[in-house]
Amino acid sequence: MEELDWQRPSACGDGNNCPEVAITPDAVYLRSSLHPTSVAQLTTDEWRDLLTAIRNGEFDV
């Protein structure tokens, strides 16, 4: 896998249990800082749909 520029939410600070995302022109990669070798790859459409669902509260418990 190419070298990716991983970003995490500023709210995480130096915490070690945070989501991380790397965006490239062709895909969006997600991982947990606890398991950095387990990476999910999404298309840009899937990423957009995921963000929309989160904003709409579809995953709220």
PDB file of N, CA and C in Angstrom:
ATOM      1  N   MET A   1       0.854  -1.182   0.000  1.00  0.00           N
ATOM      2  CA  MET A   1       0.000   0.000   0.000  1.00  0.00           C
ATOM      3  C   MET A   1       0.895   1.239   0.000  1.00  0.00           C
ATOM      4  N   GLU A   2       0.474   2.247  -0.734  1.00  0.00           N
ATOM      5  CA  GLU A   2       1.223   3.492  -0.790  1.00  0.00           C
ATOM      6  C   GLU A   2       1.273   4.157   0.581  1.00  0.00           C
ATOM      7  N   GLU A   3       2.228   5.055   0.763  1.00  0.00           N
ATOM      8  CA  GLU A   3       2.323   5.823   2.009  1.00  0.00           C
ATOM      9  C   GLU A   3       1.146   6.793   2.056  1.00  0.00           C
ATOM     10  N   LEU A   4       0.376   6.737   3.123  1.00  0.00           N
ATOM     11  CA  LEU A   4      -0.826   7.563   3.246  1.00  0.00           C
ATOM     12  C   LEU A   4      -0.639   8.633   4.311  1.00  0.00           C
ATOM     13  N   ASP A   5      -1.301   9.752   4.123  1.00  0.00           N
ATOM     14  CA  ASP A   5      -1.272  10.860   5.071  1.00  0.00           C
ATOM     15  C   ASP A   5      -2.485  10.728   5.988  1.00  0.00           C
ATOM     16  N   TRP A   6      -2.298  10.057   7.120  1.00  0.00           N
ATOM     17  CA  TRP A   6      -3.399   9.786   8.042  1.00  0.00           C
ATOM     18  C   TRP A   6      -3.718  11.027   8.866  1.00  0.00           C
ATOM     19  N   GLN A   7      -5.025  11.303   8.988  1.00  0.00           N
ATOM     20  CA  GLN A   7      -5.522  12.424   9.777  1.00  0.00           C
ATOM     21  C   GLN A   7      -6.475  11.881  10.844  1.00  0.00           C
ATOM     22  N   ARG A   8      -6.527  12.568  11.970  1.00  0.00           N
ATOM     23  CA  ARG A   8      -7.473  12.192  13.023  1.00  0.00           C
ATOM     24  C   ARG A   8      -8.186  13.433  13.517  1.00  0.00           C
ATOM     25  N   PRO A   9      -9.370  13.274  14.079  1.00  0.00           N
ATOM     26  CA  PRO A   9     -10.109  14.441  14.581  1.00  0.00           C
ATOM     27  C   PRO A   9      -9.305  15.182  15.644  1.00  0.00           C
ATOM     28  N   SER A  10      -9.385  16.484  15.628  1.00  0.00           N
ATOM     29  CA  SER A  10      -8.652  17.282  16.615  1.00  0.00           C
ATOM     30  C   SER A  10      -9.126  16.977  18.034  1.00  0.00           C
ATOM     31  N   ALA A  11     -10.365  16.527  18.192  1.00  0.00           N
ATOM     32  CA  ALA A  11     -10.893  16.197  19.517  1.00  0.00           C
ATOM     33  C   ALA A  11     -10.144  15.025  20.149  1.00  0.00           C
ATOM     34  N   CYS A  12      -9.459  14.235  19.349  1.00  0.00           N
ATOM     35  CA  CYS A  12      -8.726  13.081  19.867  1.00  0.00           C
ATOM     36  C   CYS A  12      -7.434  13.480  20.558  1.00  0.00           C
ATOM     37  N   GLY A  13      -6.879  14.615  20.189  1.00  0.00           N
ATOM     38  CA  GLY A  13      -5.619  15.028  20.785  1.00  0.00           C
ATOM     39  C   GLY A  13      -4.570  13.953  20.603  1.00  0.00           C
ATOM     40  N   ASP A  14      -3.934  13.561  21.702  1.00  0.00           N
ATOM     41  CA  ASP A  14      -2.921  12.515  21.658  1.00  0.00           C
ATOM     42  C   ASP A  14      -3.478  11.161  22.079  1.00  0.00           C
ATOM     43  N   GLY A  15      -4.802  11.031  22.095  1.00  0.00           N
ATOM     44  CA  GLY A  15      -5.437   9.779  22.487  1.00  0.00           C
ATOM     45  C   GLY A  15      -5.057   8.635  21.565  1.00  0.00           C
ATOM     46  N   ASN A  16      -5.205   7.416  22.056  1.00  0.00           N
ATOM     47  CA  ASN A  16      -4.816   6.261  21.248  1.00  0.00           C
ATOM     48  C   ASN A  16      -6.007   5.411  20.831  1.00  0.00           C
ATOM     49  N   ASN A  17      -7.202   5.942  20.902  1.00  0.00           N
ATOM     50  CA  ASN A  17      -8.388   5.203  20.484  1.00  0.00           C
ATOM     51  C   ASN A  17      -9.227   6.114  19.598  1.00  0.00           C
ATOM     52  N   CYS A  18      -8.677   6.423  18.418  1.00  0.00           N
ATOM     53  CA  CYS A  18      -9.310   7.402  17.551  1.00  0.00           C
ATOM     54  C   CYS A  18      -9.450   6.867  16.130  1.00  0.00           C
ATOM     55  N   PRO A  19     -10.484   7.310  15.426  1.00  0.00           N
ATOM     56  CA  PRO A  19     -10.567   6.975  14.004  1.00  0.00           C
ATOM     57  C   PRO A  19      -9.546   7.812  13.246  1.00  0.00           C
ATOM     58  N   GLU A  20      -9.004   7.251  12.189  1.00  0.00           N
ATOM     59  CA  GLU A  20      -8.072   7.965  11.336  1.00  0.00           C
ATOM     60  C   GLU A  20      -8.507   7.772   9.885  1.00  0.00           C
ATOM     61  N   VAL A  21      -8.312   8.797   9.083  1.00  0.00           N
ATOM     62  CA  VAL A  21      -8.731   8.755   7.689  1.00  0.00           C
ATOM     63  C   VAL A  21      -7.594   9.275   6.816  1.00  0.00           C
ATOM     64  N   ALA A  22      -7.460   8.666   5.637  1.00  0.00           N
ATOM     65  CA  ALA A  22      -6.511   9.133   4.626  1.00  0.00           C
ATOM     66  C   ALA A  22      -7.283   9.198   3.305  1.00  0.00           C
ATOM     67  N   ILE A  23      -7.247  10.357   2.678  1.00  0.00           N
ATOM     68  CA  ILE A  23      -8.009  10.559   1.445  1.00  0.00           C
ATOM     69  C   ILE A  23      -7.041  10.715   0.279  1.00  0.00           C
ATOM     70  N   THR A  24      -7.263   9.919  -0.757  1.00  0.00           N
ATOM     71  CA  THR A  24      -6.486   9.995  -1.992  1.00  0.00           C
ATOM     72  C   THR A  24      -7.458  10.318  -3.126  1.00  0.00           C
ATOM     73  N   PRO A  25      -6.958  10.609  -4.304  1.00  0.00           N
ATOM     74  CA  PRO A  25      -7.868  10.901  -5.419  1.00  0.00           C
ATOM     75  C   PRO A  25      -8.792   9.724  -5.772  1.00  0.00           C
ATOM     76  N   ASP A  26      -8.356   8.493  -5.491  1.00  0.00           N
ATOM     77  CA  ASP A  26      -9.117   7.316  -5.906  1.00  0.00           C
ATOM     78  C   ASP A  26      -9.900   6.629  -4.798  1.00  0.00           C
ATOM     79  N   ALA A  27      -9.563   6.890  -3.537  1.00  0.00           N
ATOM     80  CA  ALA A  27     -10.189   6.142  -2.440  1.00  0.00           C
ATOM     81  C   ALA A  27     -10.043   6.898  -1.125  1.00  0.00           C
ATOM     82  N   VAL A  28     -10.821   6.427  -0.161  1.00  0.00           N
ATOM     83  CA  VAL A  28     -10.725   6.930   1.210  1.00  0.00           C
ATOM     84  C   VAL A  28     -10.438   5.727   2.095  1.00  0.00           C
ATOM     85  N   TYR A  29      -9.442   5.860   2.961  1.00  0.00           N
ATOM     86  CA  TYR A  29      -9.024   4.763   3.834  1.00  0.00           C
ATOM     87  C   TYR A  29      -9.350   5.118   5.271  1.00  0.00           C
ATOM     88  N   LEU A  30      -9.865   4.152   6.007  1.00  0.00           N
ATOM     89  CA  LEU A  30     -10.225   4.333   7.416  1.00  0.00           C
ATOM     90  C   LEU A  30      -9.516   3.294   8.251  1.00  0.00           C
ATOM     91  N   ARG A  31      -9.136   3.683   9.456  1.00  0.00           N
ATOM     92  CA  ARG A  31      -8.548   2.736  10.405  1.00  0.00           C
ATOM     93  C   ARG A  31      -8.744   3.269  11.820  1.00  0.00           C
ATOM     94  N   SER A  32      -8.522   2.403  12.780  1.00  0.00           N
ATOM     95  CA  SER A  32      -8.519   2.784  14.190  1.00  0.00           C
ATOM     96  C   SER A  32      -7.074   2.944  14.621  1.00  0.00           C
ATOM     97  N   SER A  33      -6.795   3.940  15.420  1.00  0.00           N
ATOM     98  CA  SER A  33      -5.426   4.108  15.912  1.00  0.00           C
ATOM     99  C   SER A  33      -5.009   2.935  16.793  1.00  0.00           C
ATOM    100  N   LEU A  34      -5.977   2.176  17.318  1.00  0.00           N
ATOM    101  CA  LEU A  34      -5.654   0.989  18.110  1.00  0.00           C
ATOM    102  C   LEU A  34      -5.211  -0.181  17.238  1.00  0.00           C
ATOM    103  N   HIS A  35      -5.673  -0.209  15.987  1.00  0.00           N
ATOM    104  CA  HIS A  35      -5.359  -1.303  15.057  1.00  0.00           C
ATOM    105  C   HIS A  35      -4.944  -0.713  13.708  1.00  0.00           C
ATOM    106  N   PRO A  36      -3.795  -0.053  13.653  1.00  0.00           N
ATOM    107  CA  PRO A  36      -3.420   0.675  12.440  1.00  0.00           C
ATOM    108  C   PRO A  36      -3.149  -0.201  11.218  1.00  0.00           C
ATOM    109  N   THR A  37      -3.004  -1.497  11.399  1.00  0.00           N
ATOM    110  CA  THR A  37      -2.777  -2.352  10.234  1.00  0.00           C
ATOM    111  C   THR A  37      -4.079  -2.861   9.623  1.00  0.00           C
ATOM    112  N   SER A  38      -5.195  -2.649  10.299  1.00  0.00           N
ATOM    113  CA  SER A  38      -6.508  -3.031   9.761  1.00  0.00           C
ATOM    114  C   SER A  38      -7.123  -1.801   9.103  1.00  0.00           C
ATOM    115  N   VAL A  39      -7.117  -1.798   7.781  1.00  0.00           N
ATOM    116  CA  VAL A  39      -7.535  -0.619   7.025  1.00  0.00           C
ATOM    117  C   VAL A  39      -8.724  -0.972   6.140  1.00  0.00           C
ATOM    118  N   ALA A  40      -9.742  -0.135   6.192  1.00  0.00           N
ATOM    119  CA  ALA A  40     -10.898  -0.269   5.297  1.00  0.00           C
ATOM    120  C   ALA A  40     -10.726   0.726   4.156  1.00  0.00           C
ATOM    121  N   GLN A  41     -11.048   0.289   2.956  1.00  0.00           N
ATOM    122  CA  GLN A  41     -10.968   1.150   1.779  1.00  0.00           C
ATOM    123  C   GLN A  41     -12.364   1.404   1.237  1.00  0.00           C
ATOM    124  N   LEU A  42     -12.710   2.680   1.068  1.00  0.00           N
ATOM    125  CA  LEU A  42     -14.013   3.071   0.547  1.00  0.00           C
ATOM    126  C   LEU A  42     -13.833   3.860  -0.747  1.00  0.00           C
ATOM    127  N   THR A  43     -14.824   3.761  -1.608  1.00  0.00           N
ATOM    128  CA  THR A  43     -14.843   4.661  -2.754  1.00  0.00           C
ATOM    129  C   THR A  43     -15.245   6.040  -2.246  1.00  0.00           C
ATOM    130  N   THR A  44     -15.056   7.050  -3.064  1.00  0.00           N
ATOM    131  CA  THR A  44     -15.476   8.387  -2.638  1.00  0.00           C
ATOM    132  C   THR A  44     -16.991   8.465  -2.467  1.00  0.00           C
ATOM    133  N   ASP A  45     -17.743   7.718  -3.274  1.00  0.00           N
ATOM    134  CA  ASP A  45     -19.204   7.681  -3.109  1.00  0.00           C
ATOM    135  C   ASP A  45     -19.590   7.021  -1.790  1.00  0.00           C
ATOM    136  N   GLU A  46     -18.924   5.927  -1.444  1.00  0.00           N
ATOM    137  CA  GLU A  46     -19.206   5.250  -0.168  1.00  0.00           C
ATOM    138  C   GLU A  46     -18.861   6.165   1.004  1.00  0.00           C
ATOM    139  N   TRP A  47     -17.762   6.888   0.911  1.00  0.00           N
ATOM    140  CA  TRP A  47     -17.344   7.828   1.957  1.00  0.00           C
ATOM    141  C   TRP A  47     -18.400   8.921   2.126  1.00  0.00           C
ATOM    142  N   ARG A  48     -18.864   9.486   1.021  1.00  0.00           N
ATOM    143  CA  ARG A  48     -19.890  10.518   1.080  1.00  0.00           C
ATOM    144  C   ARG A  48     -21.164   9.976   1.725  1.00  0.00           C
ATOM    145  N   ASP A  49     -21.573   8.757   1.331  1.00  0.00           N
ATOM    146  CA  ASP A  49     -22.776   8.146   1.905  1.00  0.00           C
ATOM    147  C   ASP A  49     -22.618   7.887   3.401  1.00  0.00           C
ATOM    148  N   LEU A  50     -21.435   7.464   3.818  1.00  0.00           N
ATOM    149  CA  LEU A  50     -21.175   7.227   5.241  1.00  0.00           C
ATOM    150  C   LEU A  50     -21.278   8.529   6.035  1.00  0.00           C
ATOM    151  N   LEU A  51     -20.654   9.582   5.545  1.00  0.00           N
ATOM    152  CA  LEU A  51     -20.720  10.867   6.236  1.00  0.00           C
ATOM    153  C   LEU A  51     -22.154  11.392   6.313  1.00  0.00           C
ATOM    154  N   THR A  52     -22.909  11.227   5.248  1.00  0.00           N
ATOM    155  CA  THR A  52     -24.309  11.655   5.247  1.00  0.00           C
ATOM    156  C   THR A  52     -25.105  10.881   6.291  1.00  0.00           C
ATOM    157  N   ALA A  53     -24.896   9.578   6.360  1.00  0.00           N
ATOM    158  CA  ALA A  53     -25.611   8.754   7.339  1.00  0.00           C
ATOM    159  C   ALA A  53     -25.245   9.156   8.764  1.00  0.00           C
ATOM    160  N   ILE A  54     -23.975   9.438   9.007  1.00  0.00           N
ATOM    161  CA  ILE A  54     -23.545   9.868  10.347  1.00  0.00           C
ATOM    162  C   ILE A  54     -24.210  11.192  10.699  1.00  0.00           C
ATOM    163  N   ARG A  55     -24.180  12.141   9.777  1.00  0.00           N
ATOM    164  CA  ARG A  55     -24.784  13.460  10.029  1.00  0.00           C
ATOM    165  C   ARG A  55     -26.297  13.364  10.257  1.00  0.00           C
ATOM    166  N   ASN A  56     -26.933  12.397   9.607  1.00  0.00           N
ATOM    167  CA  ASN A  56     -28.381  12.211   9.753  1.00  0.00           C
ATOM    168  C   ASN A  56     -28.758  11.386  10.983  1.00  0.00           C
ATOM    169  N   GLY A  57     -27.768  10.966  11.764  1.00  0.00           N
ATOM    170  CA  GLY A  57     -28.040  10.224  12.989  1.00  0.00           C
ATOM    171  C   GLY A  57     -28.409   8.772  12.790  1.00  0.00           C
ATOM    172  N   GLU A  58     -28.114   8.204  11.625  1.00  0.00           N
ATOM    173  CA  GLU A  58     -28.508   6.827  11.343  1.00  0.00           C
ATOM    174  C   GLU A  58     -27.790   5.803  12.226  1.00  0.00           C
ATOM    175  N   PHE A  59     -26.705   6.190  12.861  1.00  0.00           N
ATOM    176  CA  PHE A  59     -25.969   5.244  13.703  1.00  0.00           C
ATOM    177  C   PHE A  59     -26.110   5.572  15.191  1.00  0.00           C
ATOM    178  N   ASP A  60     -26.937   6.574  15.502  1.00  0.00           N
ATOM    179  CA  ASP A  60     -27.148   6.930  16.909  1.00  0.00           C
ATOM    180  C   ASP A  60     -27.862   5.795  17.623  1.00  0.00           C
ATOM    181  N   VAL A  61     -27.474   5.548  18.831  1.00  0.00           N
ATOM    182  CA  VAL A  61     -28.064   4.453  19.596  1.00  0.00           C
ATOM    183  C   VAL A  61     -29.087   4.991  20.559  1.00  0.00           C
TER     184      VAL A  61
END
